[in-house]
N, C-alpha and C. Protein backbone atom coordinates (compact mmCIF):
# COMPACT_ATOMS: atom_id res chain seq x y z
N MET A 1 40.37 -67.37 6.28
CA MET A 1 39.25 -67.23 6.37
C MET A 1 38.43 -66.44 7.03
N THR A 2 37.19 -65.28 6.38
CA THR A 2 36.41 -64.59 7.38
C THR A 2 35.73 -65.03 8.29
N SER A 3 35.71 -64.86 9.45
CA SER A 3 35.27 -65.91 10.34
C SER A 3 33.45 -65.28 10.55
N ARG A 4 32.48 -65.86 10.95
CA ARG A 4 31.12 -64.85 10.99
C ARG A 4 31.37 -64.55 12.13
N VAL A 5 31.43 -64.97 13.32
CA VAL A 5 32.14 -64.32 14.61
C VAL A 5 32.74 -63.65 15.06
N ARG A 6 32.32 -62.14 14.74
CA ARG A 6 33.18 -61.21 15.44
C ARG A 6 33.49 -60.61 16.62
N PRO A 7 33.67 -59.69 17.16
CA PRO A 7 33.49 -58.69 18.29
C PRO A 7 33.07 -59.15 19.65
N ASP A 8 31.54 -59.09 19.09
CA ASP A 8 30.72 -59.71 20.02
C ASP A 8 30.27 -60.68 20.42
N ASP A 9 30.76 -61.79 19.41
CA ASP A 9 30.48 -63.15 20.13
C ASP A 9 29.42 -63.49 20.41
N ILE A 10 28.02 -62.79 19.92
CA ILE A 10 26.79 -63.48 20.93
C ILE A 10 26.28 -64.45 20.23
N SER A 11 26.39 -65.36 20.99
CA SER A 11 25.66 -67.01 20.33
C SER A 11 24.34 -67.38 20.85
N GLY A 12 23.50 -65.83 21.32
CA GLY A 12 21.87 -66.07 21.78
C GLY A 12 21.17 -66.67 20.71
N SER A 13 21.69 -65.95 19.51
CA SER A 13 20.69 -66.27 18.35
C SER A 13 20.85 -67.74 17.44
N ARG A 14 22.02 -68.54 18.04
CA ARG A 14 22.71 -69.04 16.93
C ARG A 14 21.74 -70.88 17.45
N ILE A 15 21.36 -71.31 16.18
CA ILE A 15 20.50 -72.77 16.65
C ILE A 15 21.61 -73.81 16.41
N ARG A 16 21.62 -74.99 17.32
CA ARG A 16 22.39 -75.84 16.77
C ARG A 16 22.29 -77.18 17.31
N ASP A 17 23.07 -78.13 16.08
CA ASP A 17 22.46 -79.35 16.77
C ASP A 17 23.58 -80.18 17.89
N THR A 18 24.93 -79.85 17.34
CA THR A 18 25.90 -80.00 18.26
C THR A 18 26.47 -79.81 19.41
N SER A 19 26.33 -79.70 20.90
CA SER A 19 26.94 -79.16 21.29
C SER A 19 28.51 -78.62 21.43
N ILE A 20 29.39 -77.84 22.10
CA ILE A 20 30.44 -77.89 21.94
C ILE A 20 31.19 -77.64 23.96
N LYS A 21 31.94 -78.13 24.02
CA LYS A 21 32.90 -78.00 25.45
C LYS A 21 34.13 -77.94 24.94
N MET A 22 34.52 -76.76 25.75
CA MET A 22 35.86 -76.57 25.44
C MET A 22 36.75 -76.72 26.55
N CYS A 23 38.01 -77.67 26.58
CA CYS A 23 38.12 -78.17 27.65
C CYS A 23 39.64 -77.43 27.86
N GLY A 24 40.39 -77.96 29.20
CA GLY A 24 41.46 -77.70 29.83
C GLY A 24 41.41 -75.90 29.72
N VAL A 25 40.51 -75.39 30.33
CA VAL A 25 40.49 -73.90 30.33
C VAL A 25 41.00 -73.82 31.74
N THR A 26 42.42 -72.21 31.38
CA THR A 26 42.88 -72.46 32.72
C THR A 26 42.77 -70.56 33.09
N ARG A 27 42.61 -69.60 32.34
CA ARG A 27 41.94 -68.47 32.64
C ARG A 27 40.98 -67.84 32.05
N PRO A 28 40.24 -67.12 32.79
CA PRO A 28 39.10 -66.54 32.74
C PRO A 28 38.71 -65.91 31.37
N GLU A 29 39.55 -65.07 30.64
CA GLU A 29 39.35 -64.48 29.25
C GLU A 29 38.77 -65.68 28.44
N ASP A 30 39.45 -66.81 28.51
CA ASP A 30 39.16 -67.92 27.89
C ASP A 30 37.83 -68.68 28.10
N ALA A 31 38.15 -68.56 28.75
CA ALA A 31 36.36 -69.34 29.76
C ALA A 31 35.37 -68.10 29.03
N ALA A 32 34.86 -66.71 29.36
CA ALA A 32 34.20 -65.83 28.86
C ALA A 32 34.16 -65.81 27.45
N LEU A 33 35.59 -66.02 26.57
CA LEU A 33 34.78 -66.05 24.90
C LEU A 33 34.46 -67.71 24.75
N ALA A 34 34.88 -68.66 25.24
CA ALA A 34 34.27 -69.51 25.03
C ALA A 34 32.66 -69.64 24.80
N ALA A 35 32.39 -68.76 26.21
CA ALA A 35 30.77 -68.83 26.50
C ALA A 35 29.96 -68.23 25.66
N ALA A 36 30.64 -67.00 25.26
CA ALA A 36 29.95 -65.82 24.23
C ALA A 36 29.69 -66.51 23.46
N LEU A 37 30.90 -67.49 22.46
CA LEU A 37 30.88 -68.21 21.31
C LEU A 37 29.86 -69.10 21.29
N GLY A 38 29.24 -69.35 22.48
CA GLY A 38 28.34 -70.57 22.44
C GLY A 38 29.06 -71.67 22.82
N ALA A 39 29.93 -71.93 23.08
CA ALA A 39 30.53 -73.24 23.80
C ALA A 39 29.11 -73.33 25.33
N ALA A 40 29.04 -74.74 24.89
CA ALA A 40 27.79 -75.64 26.00
C ALA A 40 28.53 -75.35 27.40
N ALA A 41 29.76 -75.92 27.69
CA ALA A 41 30.23 -76.58 28.67
C ALA A 41 31.80 -76.06 28.57
N ILE A 42 32.50 -75.55 29.85
CA ILE A 42 33.52 -74.90 30.36
C ILE A 42 34.43 -76.35 30.58
N GLY A 43 35.11 -76.95 30.23
CA GLY A 43 36.15 -78.05 31.16
C GLY A 43 37.19 -77.67 32.15
N LEU A 44 37.40 -77.84 33.43
CA LEU A 44 38.51 -77.34 33.83
C LEU A 44 39.26 -78.71 34.40
N VAL A 45 40.76 -78.69 34.36
CA VAL A 45 41.16 -80.11 34.71
C VAL A 45 42.26 -80.09 36.20
N PHE A 46 41.42 -80.90 37.25
CA PHE A 46 42.20 -80.88 38.30
C PHE A 46 43.08 -81.95 38.81
N TRP A 47 43.40 -82.73 37.35
CA TRP A 47 44.21 -83.69 37.39
C TRP A 47 45.71 -83.02 37.51
N PRO A 48 46.39 -83.41 38.98
CA PRO A 48 47.88 -82.41 38.79
C PRO A 48 48.89 -82.74 38.19
N ARG A 49 48.73 -83.80 37.46
CA ARG A 49 49.68 -84.23 36.21
C ARG A 49 49.18 -83.23 35.03
N SER A 50 48.61 -83.11 34.39
CA SER A 50 47.69 -82.66 33.14
C SER A 50 48.97 -80.88 33.19
N PRO A 51 49.08 -80.88 32.12
CA PRO A 51 50.22 -79.90 31.31
C PRO A 51 48.74 -78.55 31.56
N ARG A 52 47.64 -78.98 31.75
CA ARG A 52 46.18 -78.00 31.92
C ARG A 52 45.68 -78.07 33.40
N ALA A 53 46.97 -78.30 34.17
CA ALA A 53 45.87 -78.38 35.37
C ALA A 53 45.80 -76.96 36.09
N VAL A 54 44.42 -76.81 36.84
CA VAL A 54 44.40 -75.26 37.80
C VAL A 54 44.43 -76.31 38.89
N THR A 55 44.73 -74.87 39.60
CA THR A 55 44.17 -75.03 41.29
C THR A 55 42.90 -74.72 41.98
N THR A 56 42.40 -75.10 43.18
CA THR A 56 41.51 -74.55 43.43
C THR A 56 40.91 -73.39 43.43
N ALA A 57 42.17 -72.32 43.40
CA ALA A 57 42.09 -70.76 43.75
C ALA A 57 41.95 -70.56 42.15
N GLN A 58 42.70 -70.70 40.99
CA GLN A 58 42.69 -70.98 39.72
C GLN A 58 41.27 -71.19 39.20
N ALA A 59 41.28 -72.09 39.11
CA ALA A 59 39.14 -72.08 39.06
C ALA A 59 38.26 -71.45 39.65
N ARG A 60 38.64 -71.16 40.89
CA ARG A 60 37.22 -70.12 41.13
C ARG A 60 37.69 -68.95 40.28
N ARG A 61 38.49 -68.00 39.67
CA ARG A 61 38.55 -67.28 39.32
C ARG A 61 37.75 -67.61 37.20
N VAL A 62 38.45 -68.58 37.01
CA VAL A 62 37.49 -68.51 35.85
C VAL A 62 36.34 -69.23 35.87
N LEU A 63 35.61 -69.77 36.83
CA LEU A 63 34.19 -69.80 36.94
C LEU A 63 33.55 -68.77 36.99
N GLU A 64 34.24 -68.11 37.76
CA GLU A 64 33.24 -66.55 37.96
C GLU A 64 33.38 -66.07 36.47
N ALA A 65 33.99 -65.90 35.57
CA ALA A 65 33.69 -65.79 34.22
C ALA A 65 32.70 -66.19 33.41
N VAL A 66 32.08 -67.37 33.88
CA VAL A 66 31.38 -68.34 33.44
C VAL A 66 30.01 -67.65 33.83
N PRO A 67 29.00 -67.59 32.65
CA PRO A 67 27.95 -66.88 32.88
C PRO A 67 26.86 -67.79 33.33
N PRO A 68 25.75 -67.80 33.53
CA PRO A 68 24.76 -68.59 34.04
C PRO A 68 24.43 -69.42 32.72
N PHE A 69 24.02 -71.13 33.01
CA PHE A 69 23.44 -71.36 32.28
C PHE A 69 24.58 -72.07 31.40
N THR A 70 25.85 -72.09 31.29
CA THR A 70 26.90 -72.55 30.93
C THR A 70 27.59 -73.64 31.61
N THR A 71 27.16 -75.04 31.51
CA THR A 71 28.19 -76.35 31.95
C THR A 71 29.45 -76.16 32.40
N THR A 72 30.08 -75.98 34.09
CA THR A 72 31.25 -76.83 34.20
C THR A 72 30.87 -77.74 34.83
N VAL A 73 32.69 -78.58 34.36
CA VAL A 73 33.00 -79.71 34.36
C VAL A 73 34.40 -79.69 34.54
N GLY A 74 34.60 -81.20 35.47
CA GLY A 74 35.92 -80.79 36.23
C GLY A 74 36.47 -82.30 35.60
N VAL A 75 37.27 -81.81 35.31
CA VAL A 75 38.17 -83.38 34.72
C VAL A 75 38.92 -84.29 35.82
N PHE A 76 39.09 -85.23 36.07
CA PHE A 76 39.72 -86.25 37.23
C PHE A 76 40.55 -87.36 36.65
N VAL A 77 40.81 -87.90 37.39
CA VAL A 77 41.82 -88.55 36.82
C VAL A 77 42.27 -89.70 38.29
N ASP A 78 41.57 -90.55 38.43
CA ASP A 78 41.92 -91.50 39.74
C ASP A 78 42.00 -91.07 40.73
N GLN A 79 41.73 -89.96 41.08
CA GLN A 79 41.29 -89.33 42.16
C GLN A 79 40.20 -89.70 43.39
N PRO A 80 40.36 -89.99 44.73
CA PRO A 80 39.71 -90.34 45.30
C PRO A 80 38.07 -89.68 45.19
N VAL A 81 37.58 -90.56 45.60
CA VAL A 81 35.92 -90.23 44.98
C VAL A 81 35.50 -89.12 46.00
N GLU A 82 35.65 -89.18 47.54
CA GLU A 82 35.59 -87.77 48.41
C GLU A 82 35.87 -86.83 47.71
N GLU A 83 37.40 -86.48 47.20
CA GLU A 83 37.77 -85.04 46.82
C GLU A 83 37.18 -85.09 45.59
N VAL A 84 36.66 -85.79 44.55
CA VAL A 84 36.03 -85.25 43.85
C VAL A 84 34.41 -84.57 43.73
N VAL A 85 34.03 -85.38 45.13
CA VAL A 85 32.69 -84.70 45.21
C VAL A 85 32.93 -83.67 45.88
N TRP A 86 33.83 -83.50 46.81
CA TRP A 86 34.06 -82.22 47.69
C TRP A 86 34.39 -81.01 46.56
N MET A 87 34.97 -81.39 45.59
CA MET A 87 35.31 -80.36 44.21
C MET A 87 34.44 -80.11 43.27
N ALA A 88 33.40 -81.04 43.48
CA ALA A 88 31.92 -80.96 42.64
C ALA A 88 30.86 -79.92 43.16
N VAL A 89 30.89 -80.30 44.71
CA VAL A 89 29.98 -79.12 45.48
C VAL A 89 30.53 -78.20 46.05
N SER A 90 31.91 -78.11 46.28
CA SER A 90 32.06 -76.45 46.28
C SER A 90 32.59 -75.66 44.95
N LEU A 91 32.94 -76.45 44.58
CA LEU A 91 32.62 -75.31 43.15
C LEU A 91 31.40 -75.26 41.73
N GLY A 92 30.41 -75.53 42.59
CA GLY A 92 29.22 -75.81 41.98
C GLY A 92 29.90 -76.16 40.38
N LEU A 93 30.12 -77.77 39.96
CA LEU A 93 30.50 -78.27 39.37
C LEU A 93 29.25 -78.53 38.22
N GLY A 94 28.54 -78.74 37.06
CA GLY A 94 27.75 -79.19 36.44
C GLY A 94 27.63 -80.58 36.46
N ALA A 95 28.83 -81.03 36.03
CA ALA A 95 29.07 -82.38 35.68
C ALA A 95 30.57 -82.86 36.22
N VAL A 96 31.30 -84.36 36.46
CA VAL A 96 32.51 -84.15 36.48
C VAL A 96 33.00 -85.38 35.29
N GLN A 97 34.12 -85.52 35.22
CA GLN A 97 34.37 -85.95 33.74
C GLN A 97 35.57 -87.12 34.57
N LEU A 98 35.91 -88.52 34.31
CA LEU A 98 36.18 -89.32 34.76
C LEU A 98 37.62 -90.02 33.50
N HIS A 99 38.81 -89.69 33.55
CA HIS A 99 39.67 -90.15 32.47
C HIS A 99 40.21 -91.14 33.16
N GLY A 100 40.14 -91.85 34.07
CA GLY A 100 40.79 -92.89 34.75
C GLY A 100 40.39 -94.49 34.96
N ASP A 101 40.66 -95.42 35.88
CA ASP A 101 40.38 -96.32 36.30
C ASP A 101 39.51 -96.59 37.11
N GLU A 102 38.54 -95.11 37.22
CA GLU A 102 37.14 -95.38 38.65
C GLU A 102 36.51 -97.02 38.06
N ALA A 103 36.20 -96.88 39.46
CA ALA A 103 35.18 -98.42 39.52
C ALA A 103 33.67 -97.42 39.46
N VAL A 104 32.91 -98.44 38.35
CA VAL A 104 31.86 -97.91 37.77
C VAL A 104 30.18 -97.71 38.83
N ASP A 105 30.72 -98.44 39.91
CA ASP A 105 29.42 -98.19 41.61
C ASP A 105 30.09 -96.68 41.91
N ASP A 106 31.36 -96.20 40.99
CA ASP A 106 31.12 -94.56 41.97
C ASP A 106 30.25 -93.31 41.44
N VAL A 107 29.58 -94.15 40.54
CA VAL A 107 28.74 -93.54 39.65
C VAL A 107 27.94 -92.49 40.70
N HIS A 108 27.39 -93.17 41.77
CA HIS A 108 26.05 -93.28 42.63
C HIS A 108 26.91 -92.44 43.75
N ALA A 109 28.03 -92.01 43.64
CA ALA A 109 28.37 -91.23 44.72
C ALA A 109 28.51 -89.88 44.33
N PHE A 110 28.62 -89.31 43.49
CA PHE A 110 28.76 -87.86 42.48
C PHE A 110 27.29 -87.40 42.37
N PRO A 111 27.11 -86.23 43.05
CA PRO A 111 25.72 -85.43 42.96
C PRO A 111 25.40 -84.87 41.86
N CYS A 112 25.96 -84.96 40.60
CA CYS A 112 26.25 -84.19 39.63
C CYS A 112 26.34 -85.21 38.39
N ARG A 113 25.86 -84.94 37.44
CA ARG A 113 26.35 -85.60 36.05
C ARG A 113 27.61 -86.21 35.63
N VAL A 114 27.54 -87.49 35.41
CA VAL A 114 28.98 -88.01 35.11
C VAL A 114 28.80 -88.26 33.86
N ILE A 115 30.63 -87.75 32.89
CA ILE A 115 31.21 -87.83 32.28
C ILE A 115 32.14 -88.71 32.10
N LYS A 116 31.94 -89.94 30.94
CA LYS A 116 33.21 -91.26 31.15
C LYS A 116 33.98 -90.99 30.11
N ALA A 117 35.68 -90.88 30.20
CA ALA A 117 36.31 -91.24 28.96
C ALA A 117 36.52 -92.56 28.85
N LEU A 118 36.25 -93.05 27.12
CA LEU A 118 36.40 -94.46 26.82
C LEU A 118 37.17 -94.27 25.77
N THR A 119 38.26 -95.22 25.36
CA THR A 119 38.62 -95.16 24.01
C THR A 119 37.32 -96.17 23.26
N VAL A 120 37.69 -96.02 21.67
CA VAL A 120 36.70 -96.71 21.23
C VAL A 120 36.54 -98.16 21.08
N SER A 121 37.92 -98.52 21.25
CA SER A 121 37.51 -100.17 21.59
C SER A 121 37.76 -100.73 23.13
N ASP A 122 37.68 -99.94 23.97
CA ASP A 122 37.23 -100.33 25.43
C ASP A 122 36.19 -100.45 25.40
N TYR A 123 34.99 -99.53 25.04
CA TYR A 123 33.35 -99.07 24.77
C TYR A 123 32.87 -100.52 25.05
N ALA A 124 33.58 -101.45 24.17
CA ALA A 124 32.18 -102.88 24.01
C ALA A 124 32.73 -103.24 25.07
N THR A 125 33.49 -103.49 25.86
CA THR A 125 33.76 -104.28 27.32
C THR A 125 33.92 -103.59 28.19
N SER A 126 33.21 -101.92 28.56
CA SER A 126 33.38 -101.48 29.85
C SER A 126 32.26 -101.77 30.62
N GLU A 127 32.25 -101.69 32.12
CA GLU A 127 31.06 -101.71 32.46
C GLU A 127 30.41 -100.30 32.42
N TRP A 128 31.17 -99.47 31.84
CA TRP A 128 30.49 -98.21 32.53
C TRP A 128 29.68 -97.99 30.80
N ALA A 129 30.11 -98.24 30.12
CA ALA A 129 29.13 -98.40 28.48
C ALA A 129 27.54 -99.16 29.05
N SER A 130 27.86 -99.54 30.08
CA SER A 130 25.94 -100.48 30.08
C SER A 130 25.05 -99.85 31.07
N ARG A 131 25.88 -98.72 31.58
CA ARG A 131 25.57 -97.41 32.60
C ARG A 131 24.07 -96.31 31.60
N PRO A 132 23.15 -96.19 32.08
CA PRO A 132 22.05 -95.98 31.52
C PRO A 132 22.94 -94.17 30.90
N ALA A 133 22.20 -93.93 29.56
CA ALA A 133 23.03 -92.72 28.79
C ALA A 133 22.24 -91.43 29.75
N GLU A 134 20.96 -91.72 30.75
CA GLU A 134 20.48 -90.35 31.42
C GLU A 134 21.55 -89.86 32.29
N ARG A 135 22.28 -91.53 33.35
CA ARG A 135 22.83 -91.16 34.10
C ARG A 135 24.62 -90.72 33.32
N VAL A 136 24.73 -91.51 33.12
CA VAL A 136 26.50 -91.23 32.17
C VAL A 136 26.79 -90.99 30.94
N THR A 137 27.16 -90.34 30.61
CA THR A 137 27.73 -89.68 28.97
C THR A 137 28.91 -90.37 28.97
N ILE A 138 29.27 -90.84 27.62
CA ILE A 138 30.43 -91.20 27.59
C ILE A 138 31.19 -90.39 26.73
N LEU A 139 32.26 -90.02 26.50
CA LEU A 139 33.05 -89.25 25.88
C LEU A 139 34.22 -89.89 25.00
N LEU A 140 34.16 -90.11 23.68
CA LEU A 140 35.37 -91.05 22.79
C LEU A 140 36.21 -90.31 22.83
N ASP A 141 37.57 -91.24 23.39
CA ASP A 141 39.06 -89.91 23.62
C ASP A 141 39.70 -91.08 22.94
N ALA A 142 41.24 -90.69 22.48
CA ALA A 142 42.24 -91.28 22.38
C ALA A 142 42.98 -91.25 23.45
N ILE A 143 42.65 -92.00 24.63
CA ILE A 143 43.24 -91.65 25.79
C ILE A 143 45.05 -92.39 25.72
N ASP A 144 45.86 -91.84 26.33
CA ASP A 144 47.22 -91.90 26.16
C ASP A 144 47.48 -92.52 27.98
N ALA A 145 47.77 -93.14 28.45
CA ALA A 145 48.39 -94.16 29.06
C ALA A 145 49.00 -92.92 30.18
N VAL A 146 49.57 -92.05 29.78
CA VAL A 146 50.54 -91.17 30.51
C VAL A 146 49.75 -89.39 30.52
N GLN A 147 49.17 -89.43 29.18
CA GLN A 147 48.76 -88.12 29.14
C GLN A 147 46.85 -88.11 29.38
N ARG A 148 46.67 -88.94 29.64
CA ARG A 148 45.12 -89.63 30.20
C ARG A 148 44.23 -88.00 29.22
N GLY A 149 44.67 -87.92 27.94
CA GLY A 149 43.45 -86.98 27.44
C GLY A 149 44.43 -85.19 27.09
N GLY A 150 43.84 -84.77 26.07
CA GLY A 150 44.76 -83.96 25.34
C GLY A 150 45.70 -83.73 24.92
N THR A 151 45.69 -85.06 23.96
CA THR A 151 46.84 -86.03 23.58
C THR A 151 47.15 -85.17 21.77
N GLY A 152 45.90 -84.72 21.12
CA GLY A 152 45.81 -84.24 19.85
C GLY A 152 45.17 -85.47 19.13
N GLN A 153 45.43 -86.51 19.68
CA GLN A 153 45.00 -87.54 18.93
C GLN A 153 44.17 -87.95 17.90
N THR A 154 43.44 -88.54 17.25
CA THR A 154 42.09 -88.77 16.47
C THR A 154 42.03 -90.26 17.45
N VAL A 155 40.62 -89.97 17.18
CA VAL A 155 39.77 -91.92 17.28
C VAL A 155 39.50 -92.19 15.92
N ASP A 156 38.73 -93.46 16.34
CA ASP A 156 38.64 -93.94 15.07
C ASP A 156 37.10 -93.50 14.54
N TRP A 157 36.73 -92.39 13.71
CA TRP A 157 35.43 -92.17 13.72
C TRP A 157 34.72 -93.04 12.83
N SER A 158 34.84 -93.91 12.39
CA SER A 158 34.04 -94.95 11.83
C SER A 158 33.63 -95.68 13.41
N ALA A 159 34.36 -96.11 14.25
CA ALA A 159 33.95 -97.37 15.18
C ALA A 159 33.13 -95.67 16.08
N ALA A 160 33.71 -94.84 16.02
CA ALA A 160 32.74 -94.28 17.20
C ALA A 160 31.29 -93.85 16.40
N ALA A 161 31.54 -93.51 14.98
CA ALA A 161 29.95 -93.49 14.83
C ALA A 161 29.02 -94.42 14.59
N ALA A 162 29.32 -95.83 15.10
CA ALA A 162 28.77 -96.98 15.39
C ALA A 162 28.19 -97.06 16.74
N ILE A 163 29.51 -96.41 17.96
CA ILE A 163 28.85 -95.96 19.28
C ILE A 163 27.58 -95.05 19.10
N ALA A 164 27.74 -93.77 18.62
CA ALA A 164 27.13 -92.98 18.48
C ALA A 164 25.45 -93.21 17.90
N ARG A 165 25.29 -94.24 17.16
CA ARG A 165 24.23 -94.35 17.21
C ARG A 165 23.31 -95.21 17.57
N ARG A 166 24.16 -95.72 18.58
CA ARG A 166 23.67 -96.71 19.83
C ARG A 166 23.43 -95.61 20.92
N ARG A 167 23.92 -94.23 21.64
CA ARG A 167 23.74 -93.39 22.25
C ARG A 167 24.20 -92.52 22.43
N PRO A 168 23.96 -91.46 23.07
CA PRO A 168 24.55 -90.11 23.01
C PRO A 168 26.00 -90.06 23.09
N VAL A 169 26.48 -89.44 22.24
CA VAL A 169 28.62 -89.23 22.65
C VAL A 169 28.61 -87.74 22.71
N ILE A 170 30.19 -88.10 23.03
CA ILE A 170 30.66 -86.86 23.41
C ILE A 170 31.91 -87.08 22.66
N LEU A 171 32.52 -86.26 21.70
CA LEU A 171 33.54 -87.26 20.17
C LEU A 171 34.31 -85.49 20.65
N SER A 172 35.97 -86.89 21.16
CA SER A 172 37.10 -86.02 21.64
C SER A 172 38.13 -86.25 20.47
N GLY A 173 39.24 -85.79 21.10
CA GLY A 173 40.42 -86.49 20.60
C GLY A 173 40.88 -85.98 19.21
N GLY A 174 41.71 -84.91 19.16
CA GLY A 174 42.32 -84.42 18.00
C GLY A 174 41.66 -83.44 16.83
N LEU A 175 40.77 -83.06 17.61
CA LEU A 175 39.76 -82.23 17.02
C LEU A 175 40.33 -80.83 16.86
N ARG A 176 40.36 -79.97 15.56
CA ARG A 176 40.77 -78.92 15.62
C ARG A 176 39.58 -78.09 14.48
N PRO A 177 39.99 -77.11 14.13
CA PRO A 177 38.79 -76.03 13.43
C PRO A 177 38.89 -76.62 11.88
N GLU A 178 40.28 -77.63 11.49
CA GLU A 178 40.35 -77.95 10.26
C GLU A 178 39.86 -79.35 9.98
N ASN A 179 39.49 -80.00 11.05
CA ASN A 179 38.47 -81.65 10.88
C ASN A 179 37.44 -81.69 11.63
N VAL A 180 36.48 -80.92 12.32
CA VAL A 180 35.56 -80.89 13.16
C VAL A 180 34.26 -81.27 12.40
N ALA A 181 34.33 -79.58 10.58
CA ALA A 181 32.91 -80.45 10.42
C ALA A 181 33.17 -81.59 10.15
N GLU A 182 34.31 -82.69 9.23
CA GLU A 182 34.27 -83.34 8.86
C GLU A 182 33.91 -84.80 10.07
N ALA A 183 34.65 -84.33 10.69
CA ALA A 183 34.25 -85.53 11.86
C ALA A 183 32.94 -85.69 12.73
N ILE A 184 32.10 -84.26 12.46
CA ILE A 184 30.54 -84.37 13.06
C ILE A 184 30.09 -84.59 12.00
N ARG A 185 30.08 -84.56 10.53
CA ARG A 185 29.18 -85.45 9.63
C ARG A 185 29.51 -86.90 9.65
N THR A 186 30.71 -87.19 9.84
CA THR A 186 31.33 -88.57 10.30
C THR A 186 30.43 -89.37 11.35
N VAL A 187 30.15 -89.05 12.53
CA VAL A 187 30.10 -89.51 13.52
C VAL A 187 28.85 -89.11 13.89
N GLN A 188 28.54 -87.83 13.96
CA GLN A 188 27.32 -87.57 14.49
C GLN A 188 26.89 -87.49 15.74
N PRO A 189 27.76 -86.78 16.48
CA PRO A 189 27.84 -87.25 17.80
C PRO A 189 27.30 -85.82 18.88
N TYR A 190 26.92 -86.27 19.75
CA TYR A 190 25.94 -85.31 20.69
C TYR A 190 26.72 -83.95 21.09
N ALA A 191 27.75 -84.33 21.40
CA ALA A 191 28.79 -83.34 21.40
C ALA A 191 29.85 -83.36 21.47
N VAL A 192 30.92 -81.84 20.85
CA VAL A 192 32.47 -82.07 20.84
C VAL A 192 32.91 -81.40 21.55
N ASP A 193 34.19 -82.13 21.74
CA ASP A 193 35.30 -81.81 23.00
C ASP A 193 36.55 -81.22 22.36
N VAL A 194 37.14 -79.92 23.01
CA VAL A 194 38.10 -79.55 22.12
C VAL A 194 39.30 -78.84 23.11
N ALA A 195 40.30 -79.07 23.55
CA ALA A 195 41.04 -79.01 23.93
C ALA A 195 42.71 -78.14 23.30
N SER A 196 43.50 -79.16 23.32
CA SER A 196 44.45 -78.84 22.52
C SER A 196 44.93 -77.91 20.68
N GLY A 197 43.81 -78.68 20.03
CA GLY A 197 43.40 -78.07 18.82
C GLY A 197 42.93 -76.69 18.69
N VAL A 198 42.66 -75.71 20.15
CA VAL A 198 42.23 -74.15 19.36
C VAL A 198 43.53 -73.58 21.11
N GLU A 199 44.71 -74.36 21.39
CA GLU A 199 45.67 -73.75 21.79
C GLU A 199 46.78 -72.91 21.03
N ARG A 200 47.30 -72.32 22.07
CA ARG A 200 49.14 -71.36 21.76
C ARG A 200 49.79 -72.43 22.40
N GLU A 201 49.13 -73.11 24.09
CA GLU A 201 50.42 -73.97 24.31
C GLU A 201 48.92 -74.59 24.99
N PRO A 202 50.06 -75.32 25.97
CA PRO A 202 48.42 -75.86 26.85
C PRO A 202 48.10 -75.10 27.48
N GLY A 203 47.03 -74.90 27.83
CA GLY A 203 46.31 -73.83 29.14
C GLY A 203 45.88 -73.22 28.49
N VAL A 204 46.53 -71.95 27.23
CA VAL A 204 46.59 -71.42 26.89
C VAL A 204 45.46 -71.25 25.41
N LYS A 205 44.53 -70.53 25.35
CA LYS A 205 43.67 -70.70 24.04
C LYS A 205 43.87 -69.76 23.43
N ASP A 206 44.11 -70.40 21.98
CA ASP A 206 43.72 -68.95 21.08
C ASP A 206 42.99 -68.83 20.37
N HIS A 207 42.34 -67.39 20.67
CA HIS A 207 41.15 -66.92 20.68
C HIS A 207 40.82 -67.17 19.03
N ASP A 208 41.29 -66.75 17.82
CA ASP A 208 41.37 -66.94 16.56
C ASP A 208 41.00 -68.25 16.41
N ARG A 209 41.57 -69.16 16.54
CA ARG A 209 41.49 -70.75 16.57
C ARG A 209 40.21 -70.85 17.52
N MET A 210 40.05 -70.86 18.38
CA MET A 210 38.39 -70.95 19.53
C MET A 210 37.38 -70.16 18.39
N ARG A 211 37.28 -69.03 17.40
CA ARG A 211 36.16 -68.75 16.48
C ARG A 211 36.14 -69.67 15.12
N ALA A 212 37.62 -70.47 14.96
CA ALA A 212 37.55 -70.89 13.95
C ALA A 212 36.72 -72.12 13.88
N PHE A 213 36.86 -72.56 15.44
CA PHE A 213 36.96 -73.72 15.53
C PHE A 213 34.67 -73.59 15.53
N MET A 214 34.20 -72.63 16.33
CA MET A 214 33.11 -72.75 16.28
C MET A 214 32.64 -72.61 14.84
N ASP A 215 32.91 -71.81 14.48
CA ASP A 215 32.42 -71.39 12.63
C ASP A 215 31.97 -72.53 11.91
N ALA A 216 33.58 -73.55 12.16
CA ALA A 216 33.04 -75.08 11.28
C ALA A 216 32.28 -75.61 12.05
N VAL A 217 32.04 -75.50 13.05
CA VAL A 217 30.69 -76.51 13.76
C VAL A 217 29.71 -75.73 13.44
N TRP A 218 29.28 -75.19 13.32
CA TRP A 218 27.98 -74.65 12.88
C TRP A 218 28.04 -74.26 11.68
N SER A 219 28.84 -74.43 10.51
CA SER A 219 28.86 -74.79 9.30
C SER A 219 28.02 -76.39 9.40
N VAL A 220 28.02 -77.01 10.06
CA VAL A 220 27.53 -78.08 9.95
C VAL A 220 25.69 -78.53 10.50
N ASN A 221 24.86 -79.33 10.13
CA ASN A 221 23.86 -79.64 10.75
C ASN A 221 23.44 -80.54 10.44
N PRO A 222 23.73 -81.71 11.47
CA PRO A 222 23.62 -83.07 11.58
C PRO A 222 22.48 -83.70 11.47
N GLY A 223 21.82 -82.72 11.64
CA GLY A 223 19.92 -83.12 12.13
C GLY A 223 19.39 -83.31 10.23
N VAL A 224 20.34 -82.48 9.23
CA VAL A 224 20.03 -82.93 7.34
C VAL A 224 20.20 -84.25 7.30
N ALA A 225 21.97 -84.66 8.07
CA ALA A 225 22.41 -85.95 7.08
C ALA A 225 21.84 -86.88 8.04
N LYS A 226 20.86 -86.92 9.14
CA LYS A 226 19.89 -87.76 10.02
C LYS A 226 19.00 -88.00 8.92
N GLY A 227 18.19 -86.75 8.83
CA GLY A 227 17.16 -86.84 7.55
C GLY A 227 17.19 -87.58 6.63
């Protein structure tokens, strides 16, 4: 496939309806390309047990490659609130993404936007789902009890679509260049989140797959479907 996004990878002229978050970034060059391609957010994983985990020093190097107006998101799993707050403040994160069993009342402690990862089956009973969308963004993922994200498994898109009709959601779980356009058409999410679907190995992005993923997203205009 011939990509429409080539060496310059300038995103400024692109009009898009679905935002993109590239997650599990560990290298500055991957962060820089993701931003140049038009990703709205760059995700860094601070959970030590993840194969995509970064240290604070690594994170700082990655963040130096992220231009202004691109949101940086820190991913955490059941880590102490004080630790998450310190990381958010010291690194200037735009949002924290929670993938564990965090208490819903902790939302008040964080100095930035909160993204809460839920499975579609947990959404109906989770207290997090009752929080206003202005404060908490729900990310729908195929969460594994061991990996806590980045599994490459897709979620039930029909169930996700029903949730997306009620509130803005970020769709994650098994998205890749080959299926993201269909996922957007089916779910019509506010944003999509990709990690393993554009990797050569955990934490190392494949730049050709990154371009192909972005091309697939830009090929879809959810606004037309909604109209």
